[in-house]
Amino acid sequence: MRVTSMESALQTRDRLVMEHVPLVKILAQRLAHRLPAQVEVSELISVGLLGLIDAASRYKPSLGVPFDAFARRRVQGAMLDSLRDLDWAPRSLRRLRRDVDAAIAAVRRRVGREPLESEVAAELSMTPAEYDKAIEQLRVLDIGVIRPLDSGDEDGPSRLELCVDPSEGASTQLERKELRAHLVKAIEQLPERERQILSLYYEEELTLAEIGAVIGVTESRVSQLRSLAVSRLRTLLKESLAIPAPEAKAS
């Protein structure tokens, strides 16, 4: 009886894996669009498949979490972990990210509100054109995924809740809940257009070109605003979690 049960579990795992291979390919291709050309889609698919197998092995239908939502988190996590291990981004780009984050934080403290782009550019001693170019360069660093932050309704729990790993311990789930609360608060402080772009990009999964058509700006401008929104979120989260921001470096 025990052997039969184990065989059934393996068959279920294999079925889930085979049915969701297309999901891995879609997630890999979507992530690859945000990355430099040297990051190959095939490598993302390979690590994503490992994440899918791990998800299928850990999945427990009795907990009421749809496998699609559960697997997405594992697959995306595996891909992002592999990118961090590769350390593909040049140090100069990571330094630019720190400088922009620090400038946003410095201006926010000084003026008591979310800073304008012109104010951040001035803090960095950049011209508007130089600042636009810098924000565009940071686009490739924004590879994380911001989950939908809507609350549950009569149709069931929110999509965010469905992505929580049921195998996580109570302390980890509590930390995730607290971080989620900080993220919700940070997003609420963003300018309306940037909130809209994050929603369309991460929740509705529209492309930059599609978002541009919706809000009436160019694809390049959408890319800049998304990168700026992510920088704002980073600094807001650092402040709410009492993480010291680095000092800005004037160019």
Protein backbone atom coordinates (compact mmCIF):
# COMPACT_ATOMS: atom_id res chain seq x y z
CA MET A 1 0.00 0.00 0.00
CA ARG A 2 2.82 2.38 0.87
CA VAL A 3 4.60 1.63 -2.41
CA THR A 4 1.40 2.29 -4.32
CA SER A 5 1.00 5.62 -2.54
CA MET A 6 4.56 6.63 -3.38
CA GLU A 7 4.07 5.67 -7.02
CA SER A 8 0.89 7.73 -7.12
CA ALA A 9 2.71 10.76 -5.69
CA LEU A 10 5.47 10.42 -8.28
CA GLN A 11 2.93 10.13 -11.07
CA THR A 12 1.17 13.27 -9.82
CA ARG A 13 4.48 15.12 -9.64
CA ASP A 14 5.44 14.09 -13.18
CA ARG A 15 2.03 15.07 -14.50
CA LEU A 16 2.23 18.52 -12.92
CA VAL A 17 5.71 19.05 -14.33
CA MET A 18 4.75 18.05 -17.87
CA GLU A 19 1.59 20.18 -17.81
CA HIS A 20 3.47 23.29 -16.66
CA VAL A 21 6.60 23.20 -18.84
CA PRO A 22 5.01 25.87 -21.11
CA LEU A 23 4.65 28.11 -18.03
CA VAL A 24 8.41 27.90 -17.41
CA LYS A 25 9.14 28.90 -21.00
CA ILE A 26 6.77 31.87 -20.82
CA LEU A 27 8.29 33.11 -17.54
CA ALA A 28 11.82 32.68 -18.89
CA GLN A 29 11.09 34.59 -22.10
CA ARG A 30 9.37 37.38 -20.18
CA LEU A 31 12.33 37.72 -17.81
CA ALA A 32 14.86 37.57 -20.66
CA HIS A 33 13.29 40.66 -22.24
CA ARG A 34 14.47 42.68 -19.23
CA LEU A 35 18.05 41.38 -19.29
CA PRO A 36 21.20 41.93 -21.37
CA ALA A 37 21.65 39.74 -24.45
CA GLN A 38 24.38 37.64 -22.80
CA VAL A 39 21.78 36.04 -20.50
CA GLU A 40 20.43 33.12 -22.53
CA VAL A 41 16.79 32.09 -22.37
CA SER A 42 17.81 28.42 -22.44
CA GLU A 43 19.71 28.87 -19.16
CA LEU A 44 16.69 30.49 -17.52
CA ILE A 45 14.48 27.65 -18.74
CA SER A 46 16.88 25.06 -17.34
CA VAL A 47 16.90 26.49 -13.83
CA GLY A 48 13.19 27.22 -14.09
CA LEU A 49 12.49 23.57 -14.79
CA LEU A 50 14.39 22.64 -11.64
CA GLY A 51 12.20 25.08 -9.74
CA LEU A 52 9.11 23.51 -11.31
CA ILE A 53 10.19 20.00 -10.28
CA ASP A 54 10.82 21.25 -6.75
CA ALA A 55 7.38 22.89 -6.68
CA ALA A 56 5.68 19.70 -7.90
CA SER A 57 7.50 17.68 -5.24
CA ARG A 58 6.44 20.01 -2.42
CA TYR A 59 2.89 20.74 -3.58
CA LYS A 60 0.02 19.70 -1.28
CA PRO A 61 -3.43 20.05 -2.89
CA SER A 62 -5.09 19.67 0.51
CA LEU A 63 -3.93 23.19 1.46
CA GLY A 64 -6.14 24.72 -1.23
CA VAL A 65 -3.42 26.62 -3.10
CA PRO A 66 -3.65 26.38 -6.93
CA PHE A 67 -0.53 24.73 -8.30
CA ASP A 68 -0.09 27.40 -10.98
CA ALA A 69 0.34 30.14 -8.34
CA PHE A 70 2.52 27.93 -6.15
CA ALA A 71 4.76 26.92 -9.07
CA ARG A 72 5.20 30.48 -10.37
CA ARG A 73 6.86 31.53 -7.14
CA ARG A 74 9.26 28.59 -7.16
CA VAL A 75 10.11 28.95 -10.85
CA GLN A 76 10.65 32.70 -10.70
CA GLY A 77 12.66 32.34 -7.50
CA ALA A 78 14.94 29.76 -9.11
CA MET A 79 15.57 32.02 -12.11
CA LEU A 80 16.29 35.08 -9.99
CA ASP A 81 18.61 33.10 -7.71
CA SER A 82 20.58 31.93 -10.74
CA LEU A 83 20.95 35.52 -11.97
CA ARG A 84 22.22 36.64 -8.58
CA ASP A 85 24.75 33.82 -8.62
CA LEU A 86 25.94 34.89 -12.08
CA ASP A 87 26.40 38.50 -10.90
CA TRP A 88 25.82 39.56 -14.50
CA ALA A 89 25.37 43.28 -13.85
CA PRO A 90 28.55 45.44 -13.99
CA ARG A 91 29.66 47.13 -10.77
CA SER A 92 29.28 50.54 -12.36
CA LEU A 93 25.57 49.87 -12.89
CA ARG A 94 25.06 48.70 -9.33
CA ARG A 95 26.92 51.81 -8.13
CA LEU A 96 24.61 53.97 -10.25
CA ARG A 97 21.62 52.26 -8.63
CA ARG A 98 22.95 53.09 -5.17
CA ASP A 99 23.59 56.71 -6.16
CA VAL A 100 20.07 57.17 -7.58
CA ASP A 101 18.48 55.53 -4.53
CA ALA A 102 20.52 57.76 -2.21
CA ALA A 103 19.60 60.90 -4.19
CA ILE A 104 15.89 60.09 -4.06
CA ALA A 105 16.11 59.50 -0.30
CA ALA A 106 18.08 62.72 0.27
CA VAL A 107 15.63 64.89 -1.67
CA ARG A 108 12.64 63.24 -0.01
CA ARG A 109 14.03 64.03 3.44
CA ARG A 110 14.72 67.62 2.43
CA VAL A 111 11.40 68.46 0.76
CA GLY A 112 9.11 66.14 2.75
CA ARG A 113 7.44 64.52 -0.29
CA GLU A 114 8.21 62.31 -3.24
CA PRO A 115 10.80 64.23 -5.31
CA LEU A 116 10.33 65.31 -8.90
CA GLU A 117 12.64 63.84 -11.51
CA SER A 118 14.22 67.25 -12.04
CA GLU A 119 15.03 67.43 -8.32
CA VAL A 120 16.66 64.01 -8.31
CA ALA A 121 18.68 64.92 -11.41
CA ALA A 122 19.89 68.11 -9.72
CA GLU A 123 20.87 66.14 -6.60
CA LEU A 124 23.00 63.91 -8.83
CA SER A 125 24.44 66.94 -10.68
CA MET A 126 23.04 65.55 -13.93
CA THR A 127 21.35 67.25 -16.83
CA PRO A 128 17.82 66.02 -17.67
CA ALA A 129 19.23 64.06 -20.61
CA GLU A 130 21.93 62.45 -18.47
CA TYR A 131 19.36 61.55 -15.85
CA ASP A 132 17.00 59.98 -18.40
CA LYS A 133 19.89 57.90 -19.73
CA ALA A 134 20.85 56.79 -16.22
CA ILE A 135 17.31 55.68 -15.39
CA GLU A 136 17.08 53.77 -18.67
CA GLN A 137 20.34 51.97 -17.87
CA LEU A 138 18.91 50.82 -14.55
CA ARG A 139 16.06 49.04 -16.32
CA VAL A 140 17.98 45.76 -16.53
CA LEU A 141 18.39 45.64 -12.74
CA ASP A 142 14.64 45.63 -12.15
CA ILE A 143 14.22 41.89 -12.55
CA GLY A 144 12.23 41.17 -9.44
CA VAL A 145 8.49 40.64 -9.48
CA ILE A 146 6.10 42.72 -7.42
CA ARG A 147 3.12 40.55 -6.64
CA PRO A 148 -0.44 41.87 -6.77
CA LEU A 149 -1.23 43.52 -3.46
CA ASP A 150 -5.01 43.44 -3.55
CA SER A 151 -6.82 41.98 -0.58
CA GLY A 152 -8.98 38.89 -0.77
CA ASP A 153 -12.65 39.13 -1.70
CA GLU A 154 -15.69 36.91 -1.88
CA ASP A 155 -14.01 34.88 -4.63
CA GLY A 156 -11.27 33.74 -2.28
CA PRO A 157 -7.88 34.87 -0.99
CA SER A 158 -5.75 37.36 -2.93
CA ARG A 159 -3.32 36.15 -5.56
CA LEU A 160 -0.51 37.30 -3.32
CA GLU A 161 -1.65 35.01 -0.51
CA LEU A 162 -1.84 32.10 -2.94
CA CYS A 163 1.85 32.52 -3.68
CA VAL A 164 2.89 31.95 -0.07
CA ASP A 165 4.78 28.69 0.29
CA PRO A 166 2.79 26.44 2.64
CA SER A 167 6.01 24.73 3.71
CA GLU A 168 7.38 27.94 5.23
CA GLY A 169 7.62 28.17 8.99
CA ALA A 170 5.42 30.47 11.06
CA SER A 171 8.23 33.00 11.64
CA THR A 172 9.02 33.24 7.91
CA GLN A 173 5.36 33.72 7.06
CA LEU A 174 5.12 36.48 9.69
CA GLU A 175 8.17 38.25 8.27
CA ARG A 176 6.68 38.01 4.79
CA LYS A 177 3.39 39.46 6.05
CA GLU A 178 5.16 42.39 7.69
CA LEU A 179 7.24 43.07 4.59
CA ARG A 180 4.10 42.94 2.48
CA ALA A 181 2.48 45.56 4.71
CA HIS A 182 5.51 47.84 4.27
CA LEU A 183 5.38 47.32 0.51
CA VAL A 184 1.68 48.20 0.34
CA LYS A 185 2.35 51.42 2.27
CA ALA A 186 5.31 52.29 0.02
CA ILE A 187 3.33 51.77 -3.18
CA GLU A 188 0.55 54.02 -1.87
CA GLN A 189 3.08 56.86 -1.60
CA LEU A 190 4.15 56.67 -5.25
CA PRO A 191 2.87 59.19 -7.82
CA GLU A 192 -0.34 57.95 -9.45
CA ARG A 193 1.17 57.34 -12.89
CA GLU A 194 3.99 55.25 -11.45
CA ARG A 195 1.52 53.18 -9.43
CA GLN A 196 -0.47 52.61 -12.60
CA ILE A 197 2.60 51.49 -14.52
CA LEU A 198 3.62 49.01 -11.80
CA SER A 199 0.10 47.62 -11.73
CA LEU A 200 -0.10 47.21 -15.49
CA TYR A 201 3.39 45.71 -15.72
CA TYR A 202 3.52 43.37 -12.74
CA GLU A 203 -0.15 42.54 -12.18
CA GLU A 204 -1.68 42.73 -15.66
CA GLU A 205 1.64 41.64 -17.23
CA LEU A 206 1.39 44.09 -20.12
CA THR A 207 4.49 44.86 -22.17
CA LEU A 208 6.11 48.30 -22.01
CA ALA A 209 4.74 49.09 -25.47
CA GLU A 210 1.21 48.09 -24.42
CA ILE A 211 1.44 50.23 -21.27
CA GLY A 212 2.62 53.17 -23.37
CA ALA A 213 -0.47 52.83 -25.55
CA VAL A 214 -2.71 52.76 -22.47
CA ILE A 215 -1.31 55.85 -20.74
CA GLY A 216 -0.29 57.77 -23.88
CA VAL A 217 3.52 57.90 -23.66
CA THR A 218 6.38 56.23 -25.51
CA GLU A 219 7.70 52.79 -24.62
CA SER A 220 11.02 54.37 -23.61
CA ARG A 221 9.24 56.75 -21.24
CA VAL A 222 7.34 53.85 -19.65
CA SER A 223 10.65 52.08 -19.10
CA GLN A 224 12.10 55.15 -17.39
CA LEU A 225 9.08 55.65 -15.16
CA ARG A 226 9.05 51.99 -14.13
CA SER A 227 12.73 52.12 -13.17
CA LEU A 228 12.14 55.34 -11.24
CA ALA A 229 9.17 53.78 -9.43
CA VAL A 230 11.27 50.78 -8.41
CA SER A 231 13.99 53.12 -7.09
CA ARG A 232 11.40 55.03 -5.09
CA LEU A 233 10.08 51.77 -3.64
CA ARG A 234 13.56 50.66 -2.69
CA THR A 235 14.25 53.86 -0.76
CA LEU A 236 10.81 53.92 0.86
CA LEU A 237 11.26 50.34 2.05
CA LYS A 238 14.74 51.10 3.38
CA GLU A 239 13.32 53.99 5.37
CA SER A 240 10.31 52.07 6.70
CA LEU A 241 12.54 49.13 7.67
CA ALA A 242 15.14 51.51 9.18
CA ILE A 243 17.86 50.45 6.72
CA PRO A 244 20.42 53.29 6.31
CA ALA A 245 20.58 54.60 2.74
CA PRO A 246 24.04 55.21 1.21
CA GLU A 247 25.17 58.75 0.62
CA ALA A 248 24.65 60.12 -2.87
CA LYS A 249 27.71 60.71 -5.02
CA ALA A 250 27.64 63.76 -7.23
CA SER A 251 29.05 63.20 -10.71
